[in-house]
Amino acid sequence: QAGSSRRSLSAACSRLLTRVLRKQSMPISNAAFLGAGKDVTGVVTAFRMNSERLTCLFLASLLTLVPVQSLRCVVCNSYLNGDACTDWDAFSFIQTCNETEGTPKCAKIVQQSKEDIRVIRKCSTAVVNDGCVKRASHEDGRITYCHCSTDLCNSVPPPFSHPKIFLGALLVLLLPL
C-alpha cells in the first residue's frame, strides 16, 4: 500500500508541477501585488501555486517519516540505590535509552563476591547478542553480564514467573498440615 500511495502522490506532484509551470508564464506585476492595479489574479494564482507546492512537499515529507520506538530500560545500581535496585521499584528507575550512540540494549550486570552481591541495570550500546555470559572475577567472585532488546527486559521477574518456584509454592500449599 505504501508503494501505491507514493506512486499516486508522485503522479499528483508531477501534475501539480506541470500546472505550476504553465501558470508561471502569467506576469505578476508589482502594481498588482501592491493593489494599485485592478487585476490581482496574478497574486492569487501565485499564492495558490505556492500553497499547493507546500502541501505537496508536506505530504511527500510525511511519507519519508519512519516511526521510532525508543527502548526503555531499568537504570540503577544496588550500591547506590540499595535494595530498590535489587528488588526493583517499577517506576523509580525507568529511563529511555539514547539511540544516537548506537543500537541500544538493556543490560543487567550481577557482581558476586564473598562479601556481597551488586546489581547494575543500565542502557548499553554493546554490540553483543541477547543473553547472558558468566565470567570469573577476582577473589573467587563471578560477574554475569546479560543483554536484551525489549522494553524493561532487565527488570526483576515478577513472583512465580519461574516454573520451579511456582511448583514449589503450589506443593507447599497442597501439603496437609
N, C-alpha and C. Protein backbone atom coordinates (compact mmCIF):
# COMPACT_ATOMS: atom_id res chain seq x y z
N GLN A 1 0.81 -1.18 0.00
CA GLN A 1 0.00 0.00 0.00
C GLN A 1 0.86 1.25 0.00
N ALA A 2 1.98 1.20 0.72
CA ALA A 2 2.85 2.37 0.79
C ALA A 2 3.40 2.71 -0.58
N GLY A 3 3.74 1.70 -1.37
CA GLY A 3 4.28 1.93 -2.71
C GLY A 3 3.25 2.57 -3.62
N SER A 4 2.00 2.10 -3.56
CA SER A 4 0.96 2.68 -4.42
C SER A 4 0.62 4.10 -3.99
N SER A 5 0.63 4.38 -2.67
CA SER A 5 0.34 5.75 -2.24
C SER A 5 1.48 6.68 -2.61
N ARG A 6 2.71 6.19 -2.58
CA ARG A 6 3.84 7.02 -3.01
C ARG A 6 3.77 7.30 -4.51
N ARG A 7 3.37 6.26 -5.30
CA ARG A 7 3.25 6.49 -6.74
C ARG A 7 2.14 7.49 -7.04
N SER A 8 1.00 7.37 -6.35
CA SER A 8 -0.09 8.31 -6.62
C SER A 8 0.30 9.71 -6.17
N LEU A 9 1.03 9.84 -5.05
CA LEU A 9 1.49 11.15 -4.63
C LEU A 9 2.49 11.70 -5.63
N SER A 10 3.37 10.84 -6.13
CA SER A 10 4.34 11.27 -7.13
C SER A 10 3.64 11.75 -8.39
N ALA A 11 2.60 11.03 -8.82
CA ALA A 11 1.84 11.44 -10.00
C ALA A 11 1.13 12.76 -9.74
N ALA A 12 0.56 12.92 -8.55
CA ALA A 12 -0.12 14.17 -8.21
C ALA A 12 0.86 15.33 -8.19
N CYS A 13 2.04 15.10 -7.64
CA CYS A 13 3.06 16.15 -7.63
C CYS A 13 3.53 16.48 -9.04
N SER A 14 3.64 15.49 -9.90
CA SER A 14 4.02 15.75 -11.30
C SER A 14 2.98 16.61 -11.99
N ARG A 15 1.70 16.24 -11.79
CA ARG A 15 0.63 17.05 -12.40
C ARG A 15 0.65 18.47 -11.85
N LEU A 16 0.87 18.59 -10.55
CA LEU A 16 0.93 19.91 -9.94
C LEU A 16 2.08 20.72 -10.50
N LEU A 17 3.23 20.10 -10.64
CA LEU A 17 4.39 20.79 -11.19
C LEU A 17 4.12 21.24 -12.62
N THR A 18 3.49 20.39 -13.43
CA THR A 18 3.15 20.77 -14.81
C THR A 18 2.21 21.96 -14.81
N ARG A 19 1.18 21.93 -13.94
CA ARG A 19 0.24 23.05 -13.87
C ARG A 19 0.93 24.32 -13.43
N VAL A 20 1.81 24.21 -12.43
CA VAL A 20 2.51 25.39 -11.92
C VAL A 20 3.39 25.99 -13.00
N LEU A 21 4.10 25.15 -13.73
CA LEU A 21 4.98 25.66 -14.78
C LEU A 21 4.19 26.35 -15.88
N ARG A 22 3.02 25.85 -16.21
CA ARG A 22 2.17 26.51 -17.21
C ARG A 22 1.67 27.85 -16.70
N LYS A 23 1.26 27.90 -15.44
CA LYS A 23 0.69 29.13 -14.89
C LYS A 23 1.76 30.17 -14.58
N GLN A 24 3.00 29.77 -14.46
CA GLN A 24 4.04 30.74 -14.12
C GLN A 24 4.32 31.69 -15.27
N SER A 25 3.80 31.40 -16.43
CA SER A 25 4.01 32.32 -17.55
C SER A 25 3.16 33.57 -17.40
N MET A 26 2.20 33.58 -16.44
CA MET A 26 1.39 34.77 -16.20
C MET A 26 2.25 35.83 -15.52
N PRO A 27 2.26 37.04 -16.03
CA PRO A 27 3.06 38.09 -15.39
C PRO A 27 2.41 38.55 -14.09
N ILE A 28 3.21 38.74 -13.10
CA ILE A 28 2.73 39.28 -11.83
C ILE A 28 3.49 40.58 -11.61
N SER A 29 2.80 41.67 -11.75
CA SER A 29 3.47 42.97 -11.64
C SER A 29 3.47 43.45 -10.20
N ASN A 30 4.42 44.30 -9.90
CA ASN A 30 4.47 44.89 -8.56
C ASN A 30 3.23 45.71 -8.28
N ALA A 31 2.70 46.35 -9.33
CA ALA A 31 1.50 47.17 -9.16
C ALA A 31 0.32 46.30 -8.73
N ALA A 32 0.19 45.12 -9.33
CA ALA A 32 -0.91 44.22 -8.95
C ALA A 32 -0.71 43.71 -7.53
N PHE A 33 0.57 43.46 -7.18
CA PHE A 33 0.85 42.96 -5.84
C PHE A 33 0.53 44.00 -4.78
N LEU A 34 0.84 45.26 -5.09
CA LEU A 34 0.59 46.33 -4.13
C LEU A 34 -0.86 46.77 -4.11
N GLY A 35 -1.66 46.26 -5.02
CA GLY A 35 -3.06 46.61 -5.04
C GLY A 35 -3.34 47.84 -5.89
N ALA A 36 -2.32 48.36 -6.55
CA ALA A 36 -2.52 49.56 -7.38
C ALA A 36 -3.28 49.21 -8.64
N GLY A 37 -3.09 48.00 -9.14
CA GLY A 37 -3.78 47.59 -10.36
C GLY A 37 -5.15 47.04 -10.03
N LYS A 38 -6.00 46.94 -11.02
CA LYS A 38 -7.34 46.43 -10.81
C LYS A 38 -7.37 44.91 -10.82
N ASP A 39 -6.39 44.29 -11.47
CA ASP A 39 -6.39 42.84 -11.62
C ASP A 39 -5.39 42.21 -10.65
N VAL A 40 -5.87 41.47 -9.68
CA VAL A 40 -4.99 40.81 -8.71
C VAL A 40 -4.97 39.30 -8.92
N THR A 41 -5.41 38.84 -10.08
CA THR A 41 -5.44 37.40 -10.33
C THR A 41 -4.05 36.80 -10.31
N GLY A 42 -3.06 37.56 -10.73
CA GLY A 42 -1.68 37.05 -10.70
C GLY A 42 -1.22 36.75 -9.29
N VAL A 43 -1.57 37.63 -8.35
CA VAL A 43 -1.19 37.43 -6.95
C VAL A 43 -1.91 36.21 -6.39
N VAL A 44 -3.21 36.10 -6.67
CA VAL A 44 -3.99 34.98 -6.17
C VAL A 44 -3.46 33.67 -6.74
N THR A 45 -3.15 33.69 -8.06
CA THR A 45 -2.62 32.49 -8.70
C THR A 45 -1.28 32.11 -8.10
N ALA A 46 -0.41 33.10 -7.87
CA ALA A 46 0.90 32.82 -7.28
C ALA A 46 0.75 32.25 -5.87
N PHE A 47 -0.18 32.82 -5.09
CA PHE A 47 -0.41 32.31 -3.74
C PHE A 47 -0.93 30.88 -3.78
N ARG A 48 -1.87 30.60 -4.68
CA ARG A 48 -2.45 29.27 -4.79
C ARG A 48 -1.38 28.26 -5.20
N MET A 49 -0.51 28.66 -6.15
CA MET A 49 0.55 27.74 -6.60
C MET A 49 1.51 27.44 -5.46
N ASN A 50 1.88 28.48 -4.69
CA ASN A 50 2.82 28.27 -3.59
C ASN A 50 2.20 27.39 -2.50
N SER A 51 0.93 27.59 -2.20
CA SER A 51 0.30 26.75 -1.18
C SER A 51 0.17 25.31 -1.66
N GLU A 52 -0.08 25.10 -2.96
CA GLU A 52 -0.15 23.74 -3.50
C GLU A 52 1.22 23.07 -3.44
N ARG A 53 2.25 23.85 -3.73
CA ARG A 53 3.61 23.30 -3.65
C ARG A 53 3.94 22.88 -2.21
N LEU A 54 3.62 23.77 -1.27
CA LEU A 54 3.90 23.45 0.13
C LEU A 54 3.12 22.23 0.59
N THR A 55 1.88 22.13 0.17
CA THR A 55 1.07 20.96 0.53
C THR A 55 1.69 19.69 -0.03
N CYS A 56 2.12 19.75 -1.28
CA CYS A 56 2.74 18.59 -1.93
C CYS A 56 4.04 18.21 -1.21
N LEU A 57 4.86 19.20 -0.88
CA LEU A 57 6.11 18.92 -0.17
C LEU A 57 5.84 18.35 1.22
N PHE A 58 4.83 18.90 1.89
CA PHE A 58 4.47 18.40 3.22
C PHE A 58 4.03 16.94 3.15
N LEU A 59 3.16 16.62 2.19
CA LEU A 59 2.69 15.24 2.04
C LEU A 59 3.84 14.30 1.69
N ALA A 60 4.73 14.74 0.82
CA ALA A 60 5.88 13.91 0.45
C ALA A 60 6.79 13.67 1.66
N SER A 61 6.96 14.70 2.50
CA SER A 61 7.83 14.53 3.67
C SER A 61 7.20 13.58 4.69
N LEU A 62 5.87 13.56 4.77
CA LEU A 62 5.21 12.62 5.69
C LEU A 62 5.49 11.17 5.30
N LEU A 63 5.61 10.90 4.01
CA LEU A 63 5.86 9.53 3.57
C LEU A 63 7.27 9.06 3.90
N THR A 64 8.18 10.00 4.12
CA THR A 64 9.55 9.62 4.42
C THR A 64 9.78 9.41 5.92
N LEU A 65 8.80 9.77 6.74
CA LEU A 65 8.96 9.59 8.18
C LEU A 65 8.92 8.11 8.54
N VAL A 66 9.80 7.72 9.42
CA VAL A 66 9.86 6.34 9.89
C VAL A 66 9.54 6.36 11.39
N PRO A 67 8.57 5.57 11.82
CA PRO A 67 8.26 5.57 13.24
C PRO A 67 9.43 5.02 14.06
N VAL A 68 9.71 5.67 15.17
CA VAL A 68 10.82 5.27 16.02
C VAL A 68 10.25 4.86 17.37
N GLN A 69 10.66 3.72 17.82
CA GLN A 69 10.27 3.27 19.14
C GLN A 69 11.52 3.23 20.00
N SER A 70 11.51 3.98 21.06
CA SER A 70 12.66 4.03 21.95
C SER A 70 12.61 2.86 22.92
N LEU A 71 13.78 2.40 23.27
CA LEU A 71 13.90 1.29 24.22
C LEU A 71 13.93 1.86 25.64
N ARG A 72 13.13 1.28 26.51
CA ARG A 72 13.11 1.69 27.91
C ARG A 72 13.75 0.59 28.75
N CYS A 73 14.64 1.01 29.63
CA CYS A 73 15.35 0.05 30.49
C CYS A 73 15.30 0.52 31.94
N VAL A 74 15.54 -0.41 32.83
CA VAL A 74 15.71 -0.08 34.24
C VAL A 74 17.16 0.37 34.39
N VAL A 75 17.38 1.52 35.03
CA VAL A 75 18.73 2.05 35.22
C VAL A 75 18.93 2.32 36.71
N CYS A 76 19.75 1.48 37.35
CA CYS A 76 20.03 1.66 38.77
C CYS A 76 21.27 0.85 39.15
N ASN A 77 21.73 1.06 40.38
CA ASN A 77 22.92 0.39 40.88
C ASN A 77 22.65 0.05 42.35
N SER A 78 22.72 -1.21 42.72
CA SER A 78 22.38 -1.60 44.09
C SER A 78 23.34 -0.98 45.12
N TYR A 79 24.56 -0.64 44.70
CA TYR A 79 25.50 0.01 45.62
C TYR A 79 25.00 1.41 45.95
N LEU A 80 24.45 2.11 44.94
CA LEU A 80 23.95 3.47 45.15
C LEU A 80 22.49 3.51 45.57
N ASN A 81 21.67 2.62 45.02
CA ASN A 81 20.22 2.66 45.24
C ASN A 81 19.72 1.60 46.21
N GLY A 82 20.59 0.74 46.70
CA GLY A 82 20.21 -0.26 47.69
C GLY A 82 19.28 -1.33 47.15
N ASP A 83 18.44 -1.85 48.05
CA ASP A 83 17.54 -2.95 47.69
C ASP A 83 16.52 -2.56 46.62
N ALA A 84 16.26 -1.27 46.48
CA ALA A 84 15.30 -0.85 45.45
C ALA A 84 15.76 -1.29 44.06
N CYS A 85 17.06 -1.33 43.83
CA CYS A 85 17.57 -1.79 42.54
C CYS A 85 17.56 -3.31 42.45
N THR A 86 17.86 -3.97 43.56
CA THR A 86 17.87 -5.43 43.56
C THR A 86 16.46 -5.98 43.41
N ASP A 87 15.52 -5.40 44.15
CA ASP A 87 14.13 -5.85 44.09
C ASP A 87 13.33 -5.11 43.03
N TRP A 88 13.80 -4.00 42.65
CA TRP A 88 13.27 -3.15 41.58
C TRP A 88 11.91 -2.55 41.85
N ASP A 89 11.96 -1.27 42.12
CA ASP A 89 10.76 -0.45 42.25
C ASP A 89 10.39 0.00 40.83
N ALA A 90 9.29 -0.47 40.31
CA ALA A 90 8.92 -0.37 38.90
C ALA A 90 8.98 1.04 38.31
N PHE A 91 8.64 2.05 39.07
CA PHE A 91 8.52 3.37 38.45
C PHE A 91 9.70 4.30 38.74
N SER A 92 10.56 3.93 39.66
CA SER A 92 11.63 4.83 40.07
C SER A 92 12.82 4.86 39.12
N PHE A 93 13.08 3.78 38.43
CA PHE A 93 14.35 3.68 37.70
C PHE A 93 14.20 3.46 36.20
N ILE A 94 13.05 3.73 35.62
CA ILE A 94 12.85 3.52 34.18
C ILE A 94 13.40 4.72 33.42
N GLN A 95 14.23 4.44 32.42
CA GLN A 95 14.76 5.50 31.56
C GLN A 95 14.66 5.08 30.10
N THR A 96 14.54 6.07 29.23
CA THR A 96 14.57 5.83 27.79
C THR A 96 16.02 5.91 27.34
N CYS A 97 16.47 4.90 26.62
CA CYS A 97 17.87 4.83 26.20
C CYS A 97 18.13 5.78 25.04
N ASN A 98 19.34 6.32 25.01
CA ASN A 98 19.77 7.24 23.96
C ASN A 98 20.13 6.43 22.71
N GLU A 99 19.50 6.75 21.59
CA GLU A 99 19.73 5.99 20.36
C GLU A 99 20.78 6.62 19.45
N THR A 100 21.34 7.77 19.85
CA THR A 100 22.32 8.43 18.99
C THR A 100 23.69 7.78 19.09
N GLU A 101 23.92 7.00 20.12
CA GLU A 101 25.24 6.39 20.33
C GLU A 101 25.35 4.99 19.74
N GLY A 102 24.30 4.48 19.13
CA GLY A 102 24.30 3.14 18.58
C GLY A 102 22.98 2.46 18.89
N THR A 103 22.89 1.19 18.58
CA THR A 103 21.66 0.44 18.86
C THR A 103 21.61 0.12 20.35
N PRO A 104 20.61 0.64 21.05
CA PRO A 104 20.57 0.42 22.49
C PRO A 104 20.09 -0.97 22.87
N LYS A 105 20.58 -1.43 23.99
CA LYS A 105 20.13 -2.67 24.62
C LYS A 105 20.02 -2.39 26.10
N CYS A 106 19.23 -3.18 26.78
CA CYS A 106 19.20 -3.12 28.24
C CYS A 106 20.24 -4.09 28.75
N ALA A 107 20.89 -3.74 29.85
CA ALA A 107 21.91 -4.62 30.42
C ALA A 107 21.65 -4.81 31.91
N LYS A 108 21.99 -5.99 32.39
CA LYS A 108 21.96 -6.29 33.82
C LYS A 108 23.28 -6.97 34.14
N ILE A 109 24.00 -6.41 35.09
CA ILE A 109 25.29 -6.96 35.49
C ILE A 109 25.19 -7.34 36.97
N VAL A 110 25.48 -8.59 37.26
CA VAL A 110 25.45 -9.07 38.65
C VAL A 110 26.89 -9.41 39.04
N GLN A 111 27.40 -8.70 40.06
CA GLN A 111 28.75 -8.93 40.56
C GLN A 111 28.64 -9.64 41.91
N GLN A 112 29.13 -10.88 41.96
CA GLN A 112 29.06 -11.66 43.19
C GLN A 112 30.47 -11.83 43.74
N SER A 113 30.62 -11.52 45.01
CA SER A 113 31.89 -11.76 45.69
C SER A 113 31.58 -12.46 47.01
N LYS A 114 32.62 -12.72 47.82
CA LYS A 114 32.41 -13.37 49.11
C LYS A 114 31.57 -12.49 50.04
N GLU A 115 31.76 -11.19 49.92
CA GLU A 115 31.10 -10.26 50.84
C GLU A 115 29.67 -9.90 50.45
N ASP A 116 29.43 -9.65 49.19
CA ASP A 116 28.09 -9.19 48.80
C ASP A 116 27.80 -9.42 47.32
N ILE A 117 26.60 -9.04 46.95
CA ILE A 117 26.16 -9.11 45.55
C ILE A 117 25.73 -7.71 45.14
N ARG A 118 26.25 -7.26 44.03
CA ARG A 118 25.84 -5.96 43.48
C ARG A 118 25.14 -6.18 42.15
N VAL A 119 24.10 -5.40 41.95
CA VAL A 119 23.34 -5.49 40.70
C VAL A 119 23.37 -4.12 40.03
N ILE A 120 23.74 -4.11 38.77
CA ILE A 120 23.74 -2.88 37.98
C ILE A 120 22.82 -3.11 36.79
N ARG A 121 21.86 -2.23 36.63
CA ARG A 121 20.95 -2.28 35.49
C ARG A 121 21.14 -0.98 34.73
N LYS A 122 21.26 -1.08 33.40
CA LYS A 122 21.56 0.13 32.65
C LYS A 122 21.21 -0.02 31.18
N CYS A 123 21.30 1.10 30.44
CA CYS A 123 21.24 1.08 28.98
C CYS A 123 22.66 0.80 28.50
N SER A 124 22.76 0.09 27.39
CA SER A 124 24.07 -0.28 26.87
C SER A 124 24.05 -0.18 25.35
N THR A 125 25.20 0.08 24.77
CA THR A 125 25.32 0.04 23.31
C THR A 125 26.33 -1.03 22.90
N ALA A 126 26.55 -1.99 23.78
CA ALA A 126 27.48 -3.08 23.47
C ALA A 126 26.95 -3.86 22.27
N VAL A 127 27.84 -4.22 21.39
CA VAL A 127 27.47 -5.00 20.21
C VAL A 127 27.61 -6.47 20.56
N VAL A 128 26.57 -6.99 21.20
CA VAL A 128 26.55 -8.39 21.64
C VAL A 128 25.17 -8.96 21.36
N ASN A 129 25.10 -10.28 21.33
CA ASN A 129 23.80 -10.94 21.18
C ASN A 129 23.05 -10.88 22.50
N ASP A 130 21.73 -10.98 22.41
CA ASP A 130 20.92 -11.04 23.62
C ASP A 130 21.24 -12.33 24.37
N GLY A 131 21.25 -12.25 25.68
CA GLY A 131 21.54 -13.41 26.51
C GLY A 131 22.52 -13.05 27.61
N CYS A 132 22.96 -14.04 28.35
CA CYS A 132 23.85 -13.83 29.49
C CYS A 132 25.18 -14.54 29.30
N VAL A 133 26.22 -13.94 29.85
CA VAL A 133 27.56 -14.52 29.83
C VAL A 133 28.10 -14.43 31.25
N LYS A 134 28.62 -15.55 31.77
CA LYS A 134 29.19 -15.58 33.12
C LYS A 134 30.70 -15.57 33.02
N ARG A 135 31.33 -14.78 33.87
CA ARG A 135 32.79 -14.67 33.89
C ARG A 135 33.27 -14.79 35.34
N ALA A 136 34.43 -15.35 35.50
CA ALA A 136 35.06 -15.39 36.82
C ALA A 136 35.70 -14.03 37.07
N SER A 137 35.69 -13.61 38.32
CA SER A 137 36.35 -12.35 38.65
C SER A 137 37.34 -12.61 39.79
N HIS A 138 37.95 -11.59 40.29
CA HIS A 138 38.97 -11.76 41.33
C HIS A 138 38.37 -12.30 42.64
N GLU A 139 39.19 -12.92 43.42
CA GLU A 139 38.83 -13.45 44.75
C GLU A 139 37.60 -14.36 44.73
N ASP A 140 37.59 -15.32 43.85
CA ASP A 140 36.51 -16.31 43.76
C ASP A 140 35.13 -15.71 43.50
N GLY A 141 35.10 -14.57 42.89
CA GLY A 141 33.83 -13.93 42.57
C GLY A 141 33.39 -14.26 41.15
N ARG A 142 32.18 -13.86 40.84
CA ARG A 142 31.64 -14.07 39.49
C ARG A 142 30.96 -12.80 39.03
N ILE A 143 30.98 -12.60 37.73
CA ILE A 143 30.23 -11.49 37.12
C ILE A 143 29.38 -12.09 36.01
N THR A 144 28.11 -11.75 36.01
CA THR A 144 27.21 -12.19 34.96
C THR A 144 26.72 -10.96 34.20
N TYR A 145 26.96 -10.96 32.90
CA TYR A 145 26.52 -9.87 32.03
C TYR A 145 25.33 -10.37 31.21
N CYS A 146 24.22 -9.65 31.27
CA CYS A 146 23.05 -10.00 30.47
C CYS A 146 22.64 -8.80 29.62
N HIS A 147 22.34 -9.05 28.35
CA HIS A 147 21.87 -8.00 27.44
C HIS A 147 20.57 -8.46 26.80
N CYS A 148 19.66 -7.51 26.58
CA CYS A 148 18.37 -7.83 25.95
C CYS A 148 17.85 -6.60 25.20
N SER A 149 16.88 -6.80 24.34
CA SER A 149 16.46 -5.74 23.41
C SER A 149 14.99 -5.37 23.48
N THR A 150 14.29 -5.71 24.54
CA THR A 150 12.88 -5.33 24.65
C THR A 150 12.68 -4.45 25.88
N ASP A 151 11.60 -3.70 25.88
CA ASP A 151 11.32 -2.77 26.98
C ASP A 151 11.36 -3.47 28.33
N LEU A 152 12.12 -2.86 29.24
CA LEU A 152 12.21 -3.28 30.64
C LEU A 152 12.61 -4.74 30.82
N CYS A 153 13.35 -5.27 29.86
CA CYS A 153 13.77 -6.68 29.93
C CYS A 153 14.85 -6.92 30.98
N ASN A 154 15.47 -5.85 31.51
CA ASN A 154 16.49 -6.04 32.53
C ASN A 154 15.94 -5.84 33.94
N SER A 155 14.63 -6.00 34.08
CA SER A 155 13.99 -5.84 35.38
C SER A 155 14.00 -7.15 36.16
N VAL A 156 13.51 -7.08 37.37
CA VAL A 156 13.36 -8.28 38.19
C VAL A 156 12.11 -9.00 37.72
N PRO A 157 12.19 -10.32 37.52
CA PRO A 157 10.98 -11.04 37.09
C PRO A 157 9.92 -11.01 38.18
N PRO A 158 8.66 -10.98 37.80
CA PRO A 158 7.60 -10.98 38.81
C PRO A 158 7.60 -12.28 39.60
N PRO A 159 7.04 -12.27 40.81
CA PRO A 159 6.99 -13.50 41.61
C PRO A 159 6.27 -14.62 40.85
N PHE A 160 6.72 -15.82 41.03
CA PHE A 160 6.15 -17.02 40.41
C PHE A 160 6.30 -17.04 38.89
N SER A 161 7.24 -16.29 38.36
CA SER A 161 7.44 -16.33 36.91
C SER A 161 8.28 -17.54 36.51
N HIS A 162 9.04 -18.08 37.44
CA HIS A 162 9.83 -19.27 37.15
C HIS A 162 9.02 -20.51 37.52
N PRO A 163 8.90 -21.49 36.64
CA PRO A 163 8.07 -22.67 36.92
C PRO A 163 8.47 -23.42 38.18
N LYS A 164 9.76 -23.53 38.46
CA LYS A 164 10.20 -24.28 39.65
C LYS A 164 9.71 -23.61 40.93
N ILE A 165 9.79 -22.29 40.97
CA ILE A 165 9.32 -21.57 42.16
C ILE A 165 7.81 -21.73 42.31
N PHE A 166 7.11 -21.62 41.19
CA PHE A 166 5.65 -21.74 41.21
C PHE A 166 5.23 -23.13 41.68
N LEU A 167 5.86 -24.17 41.14
CA LEU A 167 5.51 -25.54 41.53
C LEU A 167 5.86 -25.81 42.99
N GLY A 168 6.98 -25.28 43.45
CA GLY A 168 7.36 -25.45 44.86
C GLY A 168 6.36 -24.79 45.79
N ALA A 169 5.93 -23.59 45.46
CA ALA A 169 4.93 -22.89 46.27
C ALA A 169 3.60 -23.62 46.25
N LEU A 170 3.24 -24.17 45.10
CA LEU A 170 1.99 -24.91 44.97
C LEU A 170 2.02 -26.18 45.82
N LEU A 171 3.15 -26.88 45.83
CA LEU A 171 3.28 -28.09 46.64
C LEU A 171 3.17 -27.78 48.13
N VAL A 172 3.77 -26.68 48.55
CA VAL A 172 3.70 -26.29 49.96
C VAL A 172 2.25 -26.01 50.36
N LEU A 173 1.51 -25.37 49.48
CA LEU A 173 0.11 -25.07 49.77
C LEU A 173 -0.76 -26.32 49.79
N LEU A 174 -0.44 -27.31 48.97
CA LEU A 174 -1.26 -28.51 48.86
C LEU A 174 -0.95 -29.57 49.91
N LEU A 175 0.21 -29.50 50.52
CA LEU A 175 0.57 -30.50 51.54
C LEU A 175 -0.29 -30.30 52.79
N PRO A 176 -0.80 -31.41 53.34
CA PRO A 176 -1.61 -31.27 54.56
C PRO A 176 -0.73 -30.89 55.74
N LEU A 177 -1.29 -30.13 56.61
CA LEU A 177 -0.52 -29.68 57.79
C LEU A 177 -0.51 -30.70 58.86
